[in-house]
Amino acid sequence: MAVGNRIAVRQRVVAKDVIEKFRALPVANVSDSMGRMAAGGAALRPFHKGGVLAGPAVTVKARPGDNLMVHAALDRAQPGDVVVVDAGGDLTNAIIGELMVAHAAQRGLAGIVINGAIRDVVAIREGDFPIYALGVSHRGPYKDGPGEVNFPIAIAGMVVMPGDLVLGDEDGLIVVPFDDVEAVHAAASKKHAAETAQLERIALGQNDRRWVEQALVASGCEIHDA
């Protein structure tokens, strides 16, 4: 294979039942359960009308401003997949637009993530098909390559391997490594249940806030309350 210009087949994929289990969990809870160390960057935002993004990754490494390998990935991705594109974070040229989104939706994909720019945002914002991107440019892409499909990529330091679990909501995007999905789900479910119970105590005026003063004392804070 020619490094930098190649397409591979994923060797493993997160199971559908695991994906469905994660749909009920906020990305924030999943993030906290991964040590607050994994994120696709604060600038990577949802552009669609609403809805959770969840599915196994088809990874793309694209030359900035070029979407040939994105087209290749869309045609190879399976229903339920999320195409995750590292386009170098460049915002000069849009990598996808309305036509490619319509094609992806028609094929039953779960969403697209672009570490770069998109266009046709009015149509995208009116739709439910999950799209995450860094920004917008009316300038279209080139289609010359090179690039890679289904090889490791990284977005804002977050490594994405083919078949990893991709999750997104209004708070942003996170990727759970294939080998960690069960442990992360167990920890995130526990945290989500604890926060749900805490919200109930807050509503009843029974939330225990003693930890705040304890933390201030432990930090050595000098306090002069009236």
C-alpha atoms as a PDB file:
ATOM      1  CA  MET A   1       0.000   0.000   0.000  1.00  0.00           C
ATOM      2  CA  ALA A   2       1.128   3.564  -0.710  1.00  0.00           C
ATOM      3  CA  VAL A   3       1.375   5.411   2.600  1.00  0.00           C
ATOM      4  CA  GLY A   4      -0.758   8.544   2.418  1.00  0.00           C
ATOM      5  CA  ASN A   5      -2.873   7.277  -0.460  1.00  0.00           C
ATOM      6  CA  ARG A   6      -4.604   4.062   0.550  1.00  0.00           C
ATOM      7  CA  ILE A   7      -7.907   2.488   1.584  1.00  0.00           C
ATOM      8  CA  ALA A   8      -8.268  -0.357   4.073  1.00  0.00           C
ATOM      9  CA  VAL A   9     -11.027  -2.490   5.571  1.00  0.00           C
ATOM     10  CA  ARG A  10     -11.851  -2.178   9.273  1.00  0.00           C
ATOM     11  CA  GLN A  11     -10.783  -5.187  11.310  1.00  0.00           C
ATOM     12  CA  ARG A  12     -13.275  -4.683  14.149  1.00  0.00           C
ATOM     13  CA  VAL A  13     -16.356  -2.578  14.843  1.00  0.00           C
ATOM     14  CA  VAL A  14     -18.223  -1.676  18.040  1.00  0.00           C
ATOM     15  CA  ALA A  15     -21.372  -3.792  18.258  1.00  0.00           C
ATOM     16  CA  LYS A  16     -24.826  -2.340  17.599  1.00  0.00           C
ATOM     17  CA  ASP A  17     -26.147  -3.233  21.065  1.00  0.00           C
ATOM     18  CA  VAL A  18     -23.262  -1.350  22.664  1.00  0.00           C
ATOM     19  CA  ILE A  19     -23.998   1.687  20.513  1.00  0.00           C
ATOM     20  CA  GLU A  20     -27.644   1.668  21.581  1.00  0.00           C
ATOM     21  CA  LYS A  21     -26.673   1.498  25.264  1.00  0.00           C
ATOM     22  CA  PHE A  22     -24.627   4.675  24.891  1.00  0.00           C
ATOM     23  CA  ARG A  23     -27.430   6.660  23.219  1.00  0.00           C
ATOM     24  CA  ALA A  24     -29.102   7.326  26.564  1.00  0.00           C
ATOM     25  CA  LEU A  25     -25.946   8.783  28.142  1.00  0.00           C
ATOM     26  CA  PRO A  26     -24.903  12.451  27.894  1.00  0.00           C
ATOM     27  CA  VAL A  27     -21.533  12.987  26.262  1.00  0.00           C
ATOM     28  CA  ALA A  28     -20.507  14.963  29.359  1.00  0.00           C
ATOM     29  CA  ASN A  29     -20.966  11.896  31.570  1.00  0.00           C
ATOM     30  CA  VAL A  30     -18.988   9.753  29.152  1.00  0.00           C
ATOM     31  CA  SER A  31     -16.249  12.395  29.056  1.00  0.00           C
ATOM     32  CA  ASP A  32     -16.030  12.563  32.859  1.00  0.00           C
ATOM     33  CA  SER A  33     -15.794   8.779  32.972  1.00  0.00           C
ATOM     34  CA  MET A  34     -12.776   8.933  30.656  1.00  0.00           C
ATOM     35  CA  GLY A  35     -10.834  11.200  32.998  1.00  0.00           C
ATOM     36  CA  ARG A  36     -11.846  14.391  31.154  1.00  0.00           C
ATOM     37  CA  MET A  37      -8.948  13.657  28.801  1.00  0.00           C
ATOM     38  CA  ALA A  38     -10.766  12.867  25.539  1.00  0.00           C
ATOM     39  CA  ALA A  39     -12.369  15.476  23.294  1.00  0.00           C
ATOM     40  CA  GLY A  40     -12.542  16.522  19.676  1.00  0.00           C
ATOM     41  CA  GLY A  41     -11.906  20.141  20.624  1.00  0.00           C
ATOM     42  CA  ALA A  42     -14.315  22.842  21.719  1.00  0.00           C
ATOM     43  CA  ALA A  43     -14.517  24.269  18.188  1.00  0.00           C
ATOM     44  CA  LEU A  44     -15.982  21.066  16.744  1.00  0.00           C
ATOM     45  CA  ARG A  45     -19.696  21.791  16.928  1.00  0.00           C
ATOM     46  CA  PRO A  46     -22.986  20.237  15.754  1.00  0.00           C
ATOM     47  CA  PHE A  47     -24.586  21.924  12.753  1.00  0.00           C
ATOM     48  CA  HIS A  48     -27.734  19.797  12.403  1.00  0.00           C
ATOM     49  CA  LYS A  49     -31.125  20.567  13.921  1.00  0.00           C
ATOM     50  CA  GLY A  50     -30.738  18.132  16.776  1.00  0.00           C
ATOM     51  CA  GLY A  51     -30.285  14.540  17.788  1.00  0.00           C
ATOM     52  CA  VAL A  52     -27.624  12.224  19.148  1.00  0.00           C
ATOM     53  CA  LEU A  53     -24.716  10.999  17.047  1.00  0.00           C
ATOM     54  CA  ALA A  54     -23.669   7.415  17.784  1.00  0.00           C
ATOM     55  CA  GLY A  55     -21.934   4.828  15.625  1.00  0.00           C
ATOM     56  CA  PRO A  56     -18.667   3.127  14.708  1.00  0.00           C
ATOM     57  CA  ALA A  57     -16.015   5.208  12.982  1.00  0.00           C
ATOM     58  CA  VAL A  58     -14.980   5.056   9.373  1.00  0.00           C
ATOM     59  CA  THR A  59     -11.857   7.207   9.463  1.00  0.00           C
ATOM     60  CA  VAL A  60     -10.616   9.494   6.703  1.00  0.00           C
ATOM     61  CA  LYS A  61      -7.380  11.426   6.440  1.00  0.00           C
ATOM     62  CA  ALA A  62      -7.967  14.046   3.761  1.00  0.00           C
ATOM     63  CA  ARG A  63      -5.691  16.603   2.196  1.00  0.00           C
ATOM     64  CA  PRO A  64      -6.926  20.015   3.402  1.00  0.00           C
ATOM     65  CA  GLY A  65      -9.485  21.327   0.921  1.00  0.00           C
ATOM     66  CA  ASP A  66      -9.863  17.983  -0.885  1.00  0.00           C
ATOM     67  CA  ASN A  67     -12.708  15.476  -0.470  1.00  0.00           C
ATOM     68  CA  LEU A  68     -11.918  12.620  -2.871  1.00  0.00           C
ATOM     69  CA  MET A  69     -11.285  10.214   0.005  1.00  0.00           C
ATOM     70  CA  VAL A  70     -14.447  11.396   1.775  1.00  0.00           C
ATOM     71  CA  HIS A  71     -16.444  10.339  -1.282  1.00  0.00           C
ATOM     72  CA  ALA A  72     -14.639   6.987  -1.208  1.00  0.00           C
ATOM     73  CA  ALA A  73     -15.497   6.552   2.466  1.00  0.00           C
ATOM     74  CA  LEU A  74     -19.173   7.437   1.996  1.00  0.00           C
ATOM     75  CA  ASP A  75     -19.490   4.770  -0.693  1.00  0.00           C
ATOM     76  CA  ARG A  76     -17.816   2.138   1.491  1.00  0.00           C
ATOM     77  CA  ALA A  77     -19.424   2.948   4.838  1.00  0.00           C
ATOM     78  CA  GLN A  78     -22.178   0.681   6.137  1.00  0.00           C
ATOM     79  CA  PRO A  79     -25.569   1.758   7.534  1.00  0.00           C
ATOM     80  CA  GLY A  80     -25.084   3.097  11.046  1.00  0.00           C
ATOM     81  CA  ASP A  81     -21.459   4.154  10.465  1.00  0.00           C
ATOM     82  CA  VAL A  82     -20.031   7.584  11.259  1.00  0.00           C
ATOM     83  CA  VAL A  83     -17.542   8.977   8.753  1.00  0.00           C
ATOM     84  CA  VAL A  84     -14.898  10.911  10.701  1.00  0.00           C
ATOM     85  CA  VAL A  85     -12.685  13.146   8.576  1.00  0.00           C
ATOM     86  CA  ASP A  86      -9.452  14.799   9.586  1.00  0.00           C
ATOM     87  CA  ALA A  87      -9.099  17.537   6.987  1.00  0.00           C
ATOM     88  CA  GLY A  88      -6.322  19.251   8.894  1.00  0.00           C
ATOM     89  CA  GLY A  89      -8.618  21.758  10.577  1.00  0.00           C
ATOM     90  CA  ASP A  90      -8.453  23.965   7.484  1.00  0.00           C
ATOM     91  CA  LEU A  91     -11.435  26.267   6.858  1.00  0.00           C
ATOM     92  CA  THR A  92     -10.475  27.512   3.395  1.00  0.00           C
ATOM     93  CA  ASN A  93     -12.570  25.010   1.436  1.00  0.00           C
ATOM     94  CA  ALA A  94     -15.694  23.131   2.481  1.00  0.00           C
ATOM     95  CA  ILE A  95     -15.238  19.369   2.558  1.00  0.00           C
ATOM     96  CA  ILE A  96     -18.932  18.454   2.360  1.00  0.00           C
ATOM     97  CA  GLY A  97     -22.231  20.111   1.521  1.00  0.00           C
ATOM     98  CA  GLU A  98     -25.897  19.338   1.005  1.00  0.00           C
ATOM     99  CA  LEU A  99     -25.427  16.814  -1.810  1.00  0.00           C
ATOM    100  CA  MET A 100     -22.964  14.644   0.108  1.00  0.00           C
ATOM    101  CA  VAL A 101     -25.091  14.808   3.240  1.00  0.00           C
ATOM    102  CA  ALA A 102     -28.127  13.677   1.249  1.00  0.00           C
ATOM    103  CA  HIS A 103     -26.116  10.788  -0.175  1.00  0.00           C
ATOM    104  CA  ALA A 104     -24.929   9.744   3.296  1.00  0.00           C
ATOM    105  CA  ALA A 105     -28.442   9.912   4.727  1.00  0.00           C
ATOM    106  CA  GLN A 106     -29.863   7.899   1.827  1.00  0.00           C
ATOM    107  CA  ARG A 107     -27.292   5.174   2.507  1.00  0.00           C
ATOM    108  CA  GLY A 108     -28.320   5.010   6.163  1.00  0.00           C
ATOM    109  CA  LEU A 109     -25.154   6.404   7.710  1.00  0.00           C
ATOM    110  CA  ALA A 110     -25.340   7.716  11.284  1.00  0.00           C
ATOM    111  CA  GLY A 111     -23.481  10.969  10.738  1.00  0.00           C
ATOM    112  CA  ILE A 112     -20.388  12.809   9.516  1.00  0.00           C
ATOM    113  CA  VAL A 113     -17.639  14.579  11.456  1.00  0.00           C
ATOM    114  CA  ILE A 114     -15.405  17.060   9.634  1.00  0.00           C
ATOM    115  CA  ASN A 115     -12.243  18.470  11.169  1.00  0.00           C
ATOM    116  CA  GLY A 116     -12.582  21.295   8.699  1.00  0.00           C
ATOM    117  CA  ALA A 117     -15.313  23.296   6.972  1.00  0.00           C
ATOM    118  CA  ILE A 118     -18.742  22.525   5.517  1.00  0.00           C
ATOM    119  CA  ARG A 119     -21.190  24.497   3.391  1.00  0.00           C
ATOM    120  CA  ASP A 120     -24.926  24.580   2.597  1.00  0.00           C
ATOM    121  CA  VAL A 121     -25.506  25.102   6.309  1.00  0.00           C
ATOM    122  CA  VAL A 122     -29.143  26.211   5.954  1.00  0.00           C
ATOM    123  CA  ALA A 123     -30.115  22.809   4.577  1.00  0.00           C
ATOM    124  CA  ILE A 124     -27.947  21.016   7.135  1.00  0.00           C
ATOM    125  CA  ARG A 125     -29.374  22.989  10.061  1.00  0.00           C
ATOM    126  CA  GLU A 126     -32.910  22.176   8.961  1.00  0.00           C
ATOM    127  CA  GLY A 127     -32.168  18.449   8.917  1.00  0.00           C
ATOM    128  CA  ASP A 128     -31.747  15.765  11.563  1.00  0.00           C
ATOM    129  CA  PHE A 129     -28.725  14.079   9.969  1.00  0.00           C
ATOM    130  CA  PRO A 130     -25.862  14.595  12.461  1.00  0.00           C
ATOM    131  CA  ILE A 131     -23.072  16.803  11.136  1.00  0.00           C
ATOM    132  CA  TYR A 132     -20.155  18.101  13.228  1.00  0.00           C
ATOM    133  CA  ALA A 133     -17.604  20.538  11.849  1.00  0.00           C
ATOM    134  CA  LEU A 134     -15.231  23.367  12.745  1.00  0.00           C
ATOM    135  CA  GLY A 135     -16.728  26.044  10.537  1.00  0.00           C
ATOM    136  CA  VAL A 136     -18.260  27.140   7.253  1.00  0.00           C
ATOM    137  CA  SER A 137     -16.896  28.150   3.859  1.00  0.00           C
ATOM    138  CA  HIS A 138     -18.784  28.690   0.596  1.00  0.00           C
ATOM    139  CA  ARG A 139     -15.655  27.678  -1.320  1.00  0.00           C
ATOM    140  CA  GLY A 140     -15.965  24.143  -2.642  1.00  0.00           C
ATOM    141  CA  PRO A 141     -13.469  21.283  -2.385  1.00  0.00           C
ATOM    142  CA  TYR A 142     -11.032  19.749  -4.831  1.00  0.00           C
ATOM    143  CA  LYS A 143     -11.224  16.064  -5.734  1.00  0.00           C
ATOM    144  CA  ASP A 144      -7.670  15.010  -6.426  1.00  0.00           C
ATOM    145  CA  GLY A 145      -6.520  13.235  -3.257  1.00  0.00           C
ATOM    146  CA  PRO A 146      -4.378  11.866  -1.811  1.00  0.00           C
ATOM    147  CA  GLY A 147      -5.681  10.591   1.498  1.00  0.00           C
ATOM    148  CA  GLU A 148      -6.418   7.524   3.587  1.00  0.00           C
ATOM    149  CA  VAL A 149      -9.546   5.602   4.598  1.00  0.00           C
ATOM    150  CA  ASN A 150      -9.698   3.386   7.699  1.00  0.00           C
ATOM    151  CA  PHE A 151      -6.327   4.263   9.167  1.00  0.00           C
ATOM    152  CA  PRO A 152      -5.739   6.004  12.534  1.00  0.00           C
ATOM    153  CA  ILE A 153      -6.416   9.745  12.657  1.00  0.00           C
ATOM    154  CA  ALA A 154      -6.359  12.386  15.385  1.00  0.00           C
ATOM    155  CA  ILE A 155      -8.549  15.444  15.950  1.00  0.00           C
ATOM    156  CA  ALA A 156      -7.399  17.950  18.573  1.00  0.00           C
ATOM    157  CA  GLY A 157      -5.285  15.202  20.104  1.00  0.00           C
ATOM    158  CA  MET A 158      -8.176  12.722  20.230  1.00  0.00           C
ATOM    159  CA  VAL A 159      -7.118   9.539  18.469  1.00  0.00           C
ATOM    160  CA  VAL A 160      -9.784   7.840  16.358  1.00  0.00           C
ATOM    161  CA  MET A 161      -9.296   4.265  15.221  1.00  0.00           C
ATOM    162  CA  PRO A 162     -11.491   2.572  12.606  1.00  0.00           C
ATOM    163  CA  GLY A 163     -14.419   0.923  14.402  1.00  0.00           C
ATOM    164  CA  ASP A 164     -14.189   3.028  17.580  1.00  0.00           C
ATOM    165  CA  LEU A 165     -17.423   4.377  19.050  1.00  0.00           C
ATOM    166  CA  VAL A 166     -18.201   7.983  18.047  1.00  0.00           C
ATOM    167  CA  LEU A 167     -20.622   9.920  20.262  1.00  0.00           C
ATOM    168  CA  GLY A 168     -21.935  13.451  19.888  1.00  0.00           C
ATOM    169  CA  ASP A 169     -24.594  15.725  21.367  1.00  0.00           C
ATOM    170  CA  GLU A 170     -24.996  19.475  21.879  1.00  0.00           C
ATOM    171  CA  ASP A 171     -21.978  19.499  24.221  1.00  0.00           C
ATOM    172  CA  GLY A 172     -19.653  18.202  21.527  1.00  0.00           C
ATOM    173  CA  LEU A 173     -17.973  15.056  20.321  1.00  0.00           C
ATOM    174  CA  ILE A 174     -16.087  12.198  21.958  1.00  0.00           C
ATOM    175  CA  VAL A 175     -14.651   8.870  20.816  1.00  0.00           C
ATOM    176  CA  VAL A 176     -14.597   5.783  23.027  1.00  0.00           C
ATOM    177  CA  PRO A 177     -11.858   3.304  22.058  1.00  0.00           C
ATOM    178  CA  PHE A 178     -13.080  -0.123  20.982  1.00  0.00           C
ATOM    179  CA  ASP A 179     -11.369  -1.885  23.893  1.00  0.00           C
ATOM    180  CA  ASP A 180     -12.816   0.483  26.503  1.00  0.00           C
ATOM    181  CA  VAL A 181     -16.516   0.619  25.629  1.00  0.00           C
ATOM    182  CA  GLU A 182     -17.781  -1.739  28.346  1.00  0.00           C
ATOM    183  CA  ALA A 183     -15.762  -0.146  31.156  1.00  0.00           C
ATOM    184  CA  VAL A 184     -16.659   3.383  30.033  1.00  0.00           C
ATOM    185  CA  HIS A 185     -20.350   2.525  29.725  1.00  0.00           C
ATOM    186  CA  ALA A 186     -20.429   1.084  33.242  1.00  0.00           C
ATOM    187  CA  ALA A 187     -18.716   4.155  34.722  1.00  0.00           C
ATOM    188  CA  ALA A 188     -20.794   6.642  32.701  1.00  0.00           C
ATOM    189  CA  SER A 189     -24.057   4.901  33.609  1.00  0.00           C
ATOM    190  CA  LYS A 190     -23.152   5.063  37.295  1.00  0.00           C
ATOM    191  CA  LYS A 191     -22.315   8.759  37.031  1.00  0.00           C
ATOM    192  CA  HIS A 192     -25.501   9.527  35.104  1.00  0.00           C
ATOM    193  CA  ALA A 193     -27.604   7.785  37.762  1.00  0.00           C
ATOM    194  CA  ALA A 194     -25.836   9.725  40.527  1.00  0.00           C
ATOM    195  CA  GLU A 195     -26.424  13.055  38.775  1.00  0.00           C
ATOM    196  CA  THR A 196     -30.088  12.211  38.184  1.00  0.00           C
ATOM    197  CA  ALA A 197     -30.500  11.522  41.898  1.00  0.00           C
ATOM    198  CA  GLN A 198     -28.699  14.762  42.737  1.00  0.00           C
ATOM    199  CA  LEU A 199     -31.054  16.756  40.524  1.00  0.00           C
ATOM    200  CA  GLU A 200     -33.967  15.272  42.450  1.00  0.00           C
ATOM    201  CA  ARG A 201     -32.392  16.362  45.759  1.00  0.00           C
ATOM    202  CA  ILE A 202     -31.782  19.856  44.377  1.00  0.00           C
ATOM    203  CA  ALA A 203     -35.436  20.144  43.391  1.00  0.00           C
ATOM    204  CA  LEU A 204     -36.414  19.198  46.958  1.00  0.00           C
ATOM    205  CA  GLY A 205     -33.917  21.594  48.522  1.00  0.00           C
ATOM    206  CA  GLN A 206     -32.011  18.669  50.037  1.00  0.00           C
ATOM    207  CA  ASN A 207     -28.709  18.925  48.172  1.00  0.00           C
ATOM    208  CA  ASP A 208     -25.703  18.525  50.482  1.00  0.00           C
ATOM    209  CA  ARG A 209     -23.291  21.450  49.859  1.00  0.00           C
ATOM    210  CA  ARG A 210     -20.911  20.835  52.767  1.00  0.00           C
ATOM    211  CA  TRP A 211     -18.245  19.646  50.368  1.00  0.00           C
ATOM    212  CA  VAL A 212     -17.706  23.229  49.118  1.00  0.00           C
ATOM    213  CA  GLU A 213     -16.558  24.563  52.489  1.00  0.00           C
ATOM    214  CA  GLN A 214     -14.552  21.420  53.116  1.00  0.00           C
ATOM    215  CA  ALA A 215     -12.742  21.906  49.818  1.00  0.00           C
ATOM    216  CA  LEU A 216     -12.040  25.568  50.633  1.00  0.00           C
ATOM    217  CA  VAL A 217     -10.505  24.625  53.977  1.00  0.00           C
ATOM    218  CA  ALA A 218      -8.473  21.838  52.380  1.00  0.00           C
ATOM    219  CA  SER A 219      -7.113  24.275  49.787  1.00  0.00           C
ATOM    220  CA  GLY A 220      -5.915  26.677  52.477  1.00  0.00           C
ATOM    221  CA  CYS A 221      -8.288  29.427  51.348  1.00  0.00           C
ATOM    222  CA  GLU A 222      -8.366  32.498  53.618  1.00  0.00           C
ATOM    223  CA  ILE A 223     -12.020  33.284  54.255  1.00  0.00           C
ATOM    224  CA  HIS A 224     -13.414  36.530  55.694  1.00  0.00           C
ATOM    225  CA  ASP A 225     -17.160  36.155  55.530  1.00  0.00           C
ATOM    226  CA  ALA A 226     -19.295  38.907  57.026  1.00  0.00           C
END
